Amino acid sequence: MKIIAGVDEVGRGSLIGPVYAAAVILNKSVNKKILKDSKSLTKAKREILSKYIKENSIWAIGKASVKEIEKINVLQASLLAMKRAIKKLEKKPSLVLIDGNKLPEIKNYNLRSIVKGDQKVPSISAASIIAKVTRDKVITTLGKKFKGYCWDQNYGYGTKQHLRAIKTLGITNQHRKTFSPINKIK
């Protein structure tokens, strides 16, 4: 029997925090019709679906830190987070379907990239949901330590409110210093 895992990452465009990836092997009992790309779902719906997926699937999370992002760049860090998620799965998949057009390097794994896979492949949609819910919770918790940046609303993305807060409050150790406009702030 073929074991298929879907993989997606989240947080590449954020100005703060780690990038996260999830790998998901859906059980046959999962209702695939309700799985959509995480970006097309409300926060409440993502949280409900994340719990449902976790209870009815084999899944794992990988992440790459701000330091790793700054050292190897965000694309390579995303691929590293994906690799970590795939390797953490308790069953080795016979095929790994990855959202996008780039693949992590992992020996002895059959990997295939699918552009817009989070919209086309249920297991990748499931991975996008788990990754987003996981990262959003981490960033919301960070926001409680770094008040004034509104990370519970913007999740570290370069919104007007976040950029204003950076000008007023400065850069934190959670900001990716190699990212524009952070890299231009003295």
Protein backbone atom coordinates (compact mmCIF):
# COMPACT_ATOMS: atom_id res chain seq x y z
CA MET A 1 0.00 0.00 0.00
CA LYS A 2 1.29 3.42 -0.96
CA ILE A 3 1.78 5.84 1.93
CA ILE A 4 1.50 9.44 0.69
CA ALA A 5 2.55 12.44 2.76
CA GLY A 6 1.72 16.05 1.97
CA VAL A 7 4.06 18.84 3.02
CA ASP A 8 3.73 22.62 3.21
CA GLU A 9 5.50 25.46 4.99
CA VAL A 10 4.40 28.77 6.46
CA GLY A 11 6.03 32.01 7.53
CA ARG A 12 8.45 32.69 4.69
CA GLY A 13 7.24 36.25 4.15
CA SER A 14 7.07 37.20 7.82
CA LEU A 15 9.57 39.66 9.28
CA ILE A 16 9.85 37.64 12.51
CA GLY A 17 10.20 34.20 13.98
CA PRO A 18 10.87 30.73 12.63
CA VAL A 19 9.45 29.15 9.48
CA TYR A 20 7.37 26.05 10.12
CA ALA A 21 6.53 23.06 7.95
CA ALA A 22 4.10 20.22 8.48
CA ALA A 23 4.06 16.75 6.95
CA VAL A 24 0.77 14.84 6.99
CA ILE A 25 -0.23 11.30 6.08
CA LEU A 26 -4.02 11.32 5.99
CA ASN A 27 -5.96 8.32 7.27
CA LYS A 28 -8.50 6.95 4.80
CA SER A 29 -11.32 8.03 7.14
CA VAL A 30 -10.51 11.75 6.74
CA ASN A 31 -13.10 13.75 4.80
CA LYS A 32 -10.87 15.19 2.08
CA LYS A 33 -13.62 17.47 0.73
CA ILE A 34 -13.35 19.78 3.77
CA LEU A 35 -9.59 20.28 3.40
CA LYS A 36 -8.61 23.54 1.72
CA ASP A 37 -5.55 25.75 1.50
CA SER A 38 -5.10 27.35 4.93
CA LYS A 39 -5.08 30.87 3.40
CA SER A 40 -8.67 30.38 2.18
CA LEU A 41 -10.02 29.46 5.64
CA THR A 42 -10.96 31.57 8.64
CA LYS A 43 -8.83 31.31 11.77
CA ALA A 44 -11.65 29.48 13.59
CA LYS A 45 -12.12 26.98 10.74
CA ARG A 46 -8.34 26.35 10.54
CA GLU A 47 -8.22 25.59 14.28
CA ILE A 48 -11.14 23.14 14.05
CA LEU A 49 -9.63 21.42 11.02
CA SER A 50 -6.15 21.30 12.55
CA LYS A 51 -7.53 19.41 15.56
CA TYR A 52 -9.52 17.08 13.26
CA ILE A 53 -6.47 16.37 11.06
CA LYS A 54 -4.19 15.74 14.05
CA GLU A 55 -6.71 13.31 15.56
CA ASN A 56 -7.14 11.39 12.29
CA SER A 57 -3.69 11.40 10.69
CA ILE A 58 -0.01 10.84 11.12
CA TRP A 59 1.64 14.24 11.24
CA ALA A 60 4.82 16.02 12.22
CA ILE A 61 6.10 19.59 12.48
CA GLY A 62 9.53 20.90 11.54
CA LYS A 63 10.89 24.38 11.98
CA ALA A 64 13.92 26.50 11.16
CA SER A 65 14.94 29.28 13.52
CA VAL A 66 15.55 32.97 12.86
CA LYS A 67 19.30 32.28 13.12
CA GLU A 68 19.04 29.53 10.50
CA ILE A 69 16.97 31.80 8.22
CA GLU A 70 19.61 34.52 8.49
CA LYS A 71 22.47 32.08 7.93
CA ILE A 72 21.15 30.06 4.94
CA ASN A 73 18.27 32.30 3.64
CA VAL A 74 14.54 31.79 4.03
CA LEU A 75 14.09 29.42 1.06
CA GLN A 76 16.79 27.04 2.33
CA ALA A 77 15.42 27.36 5.87
CA SER A 78 11.93 26.44 4.59
CA LEU A 79 13.34 23.37 2.85
CA LEU A 80 15.18 22.47 6.07
CA ALA A 81 11.93 22.78 8.07
CA MET A 82 10.21 20.51 5.50
CA LYS A 83 13.01 17.95 5.74
CA ARG A 84 12.74 17.96 9.54
CA ALA A 85 8.95 17.44 9.39
CA ILE A 86 9.25 14.57 6.88
CA LYS A 87 11.97 12.82 8.90
CA LYS A 88 9.87 13.09 12.10
CA LEU A 89 6.90 11.18 10.64
CA GLU A 90 6.42 7.91 12.50
CA LYS A 91 5.88 6.08 9.18
CA LYS A 92 8.14 6.55 6.18
CA PRO A 93 6.00 7.62 3.21
CA SER A 94 6.47 5.96 -0.18
CA LEU A 95 5.74 9.32 -1.83
CA VAL A 96 6.06 12.86 -0.47
CA LEU A 97 4.09 15.61 -2.24
CA ILE A 98 5.44 19.07 -1.53
CA ASP A 99 3.75 22.41 -2.19
CA GLY A 100 5.73 24.64 -4.54
CA ASN A 101 8.48 24.11 -7.08
CA LYS A 102 11.46 23.33 -4.83
CA LEU A 103 12.33 20.14 -3.00
CA PRO A 104 14.42 19.54 0.12
CA GLU A 105 17.32 17.15 -0.28
CA ILE A 106 16.54 13.91 1.53
CA LYS A 107 18.22 10.64 0.63
CA ASN A 108 16.04 7.59 0.02
CA TYR A 109 12.74 9.50 -0.18
CA ASN A 110 10.55 9.79 -3.26
CA LEU A 111 9.71 13.53 -3.43
CA ARG A 112 7.55 15.42 -5.91
CA SER A 113 6.80 19.14 -6.00
CA ILE A 114 3.35 20.41 -6.95
CA VAL A 115 2.82 24.09 -7.69
CA LYS A 116 -0.29 25.28 -5.82
CA GLY A 117 -0.41 21.84 -4.20
CA ASP A 118 -2.08 23.35 -1.13
CA GLN A 119 -5.11 24.02 -3.37
CA LYS A 120 -5.02 20.69 -5.25
CA VAL A 121 -3.88 17.90 -2.92
CA PRO A 122 -5.77 17.17 0.34
CA SER A 123 -2.69 16.00 2.27
CA ILE A 124 -0.83 19.20 1.32
CA SER A 125 -3.90 21.26 2.31
CA ALA A 126 -3.88 19.44 5.65
CA ALA A 127 -0.17 20.22 6.08
CA SER A 128 -0.79 23.89 5.28
CA ILE A 129 -3.51 24.04 7.96
CA ILE A 130 -1.42 22.38 10.69
CA ALA A 131 1.67 24.46 9.87
CA LYS A 132 -0.30 27.74 9.91
CA VAL A 133 -2.15 27.00 13.16
CA THR A 134 1.11 25.93 14.83
CA ARG A 135 3.04 29.02 13.74
CA ASP A 136 0.18 31.41 14.52
CA LYS A 137 0.03 30.08 18.11
CA VAL A 138 3.81 30.48 18.54
CA ILE A 139 3.77 34.03 17.14
CA THR A 140 0.75 34.99 19.27
CA THR A 141 2.63 33.77 22.37
CA LEU A 142 5.72 35.76 21.31
CA GLY A 143 3.46 38.80 20.91
CA LYS A 144 2.65 38.64 24.61
CA LYS A 145 6.36 39.06 25.40
CA PHE A 146 6.89 41.78 22.79
CA LYS A 147 3.92 44.08 23.33
CA GLY A 148 3.05 46.81 20.87
CA TYR A 149 3.91 44.95 17.65
CA CYS A 150 0.41 43.41 17.36
CA TRP A 151 1.79 40.01 16.36
CA ASP A 152 -1.48 38.42 17.48
CA GLN A 153 -3.05 40.24 14.51
CA ASN A 154 -0.28 40.52 11.87
CA TYR A 155 1.75 37.39 12.79
CA GLY A 156 4.94 39.30 12.07
CA TYR A 157 4.13 40.22 8.49
CA GLY A 158 5.06 43.71 7.28
CA THR A 159 1.73 45.43 7.86
CA LYS A 160 1.56 49.20 8.39
CA GLN A 161 0.90 48.67 12.10
CA HIS A 162 3.92 46.35 12.48
CA LEU A 163 6.23 48.70 10.54
CA ARG A 164 5.06 51.64 12.70
CA ALA A 165 5.78 49.61 15.83
CA ILE A 166 9.30 48.81 14.59
CA LYS A 167 9.96 52.54 14.06
CA THR A 168 8.63 53.34 17.54
CA LEU A 169 9.81 50.33 19.58
CA GLY A 170 12.80 49.10 17.57
CA ILE A 171 13.91 45.68 16.38
CA THR A 172 13.61 42.60 18.64
CA ASN A 173 15.69 39.45 18.70
CA GLN A 174 12.76 37.80 16.88
CA HIS A 175 13.10 40.04 13.81
CA ARG A 176 14.89 38.64 10.78
CA LYS A 177 17.69 41.16 10.41
CA THR A 178 18.52 40.12 6.84
CA PHE A 179 14.97 40.97 5.70
CA SER A 180 13.99 44.29 4.18
CA PRO A 181 13.06 46.74 5.69
CA ILE A 182 14.64 45.41 8.92
CA ASN A 183 18.09 45.36 7.29
CA LYS A 184 17.83 49.12 6.58
CA ILE A 185 17.03 50.10 10.17
CA LYS A 186 20.00 51.17 12.26
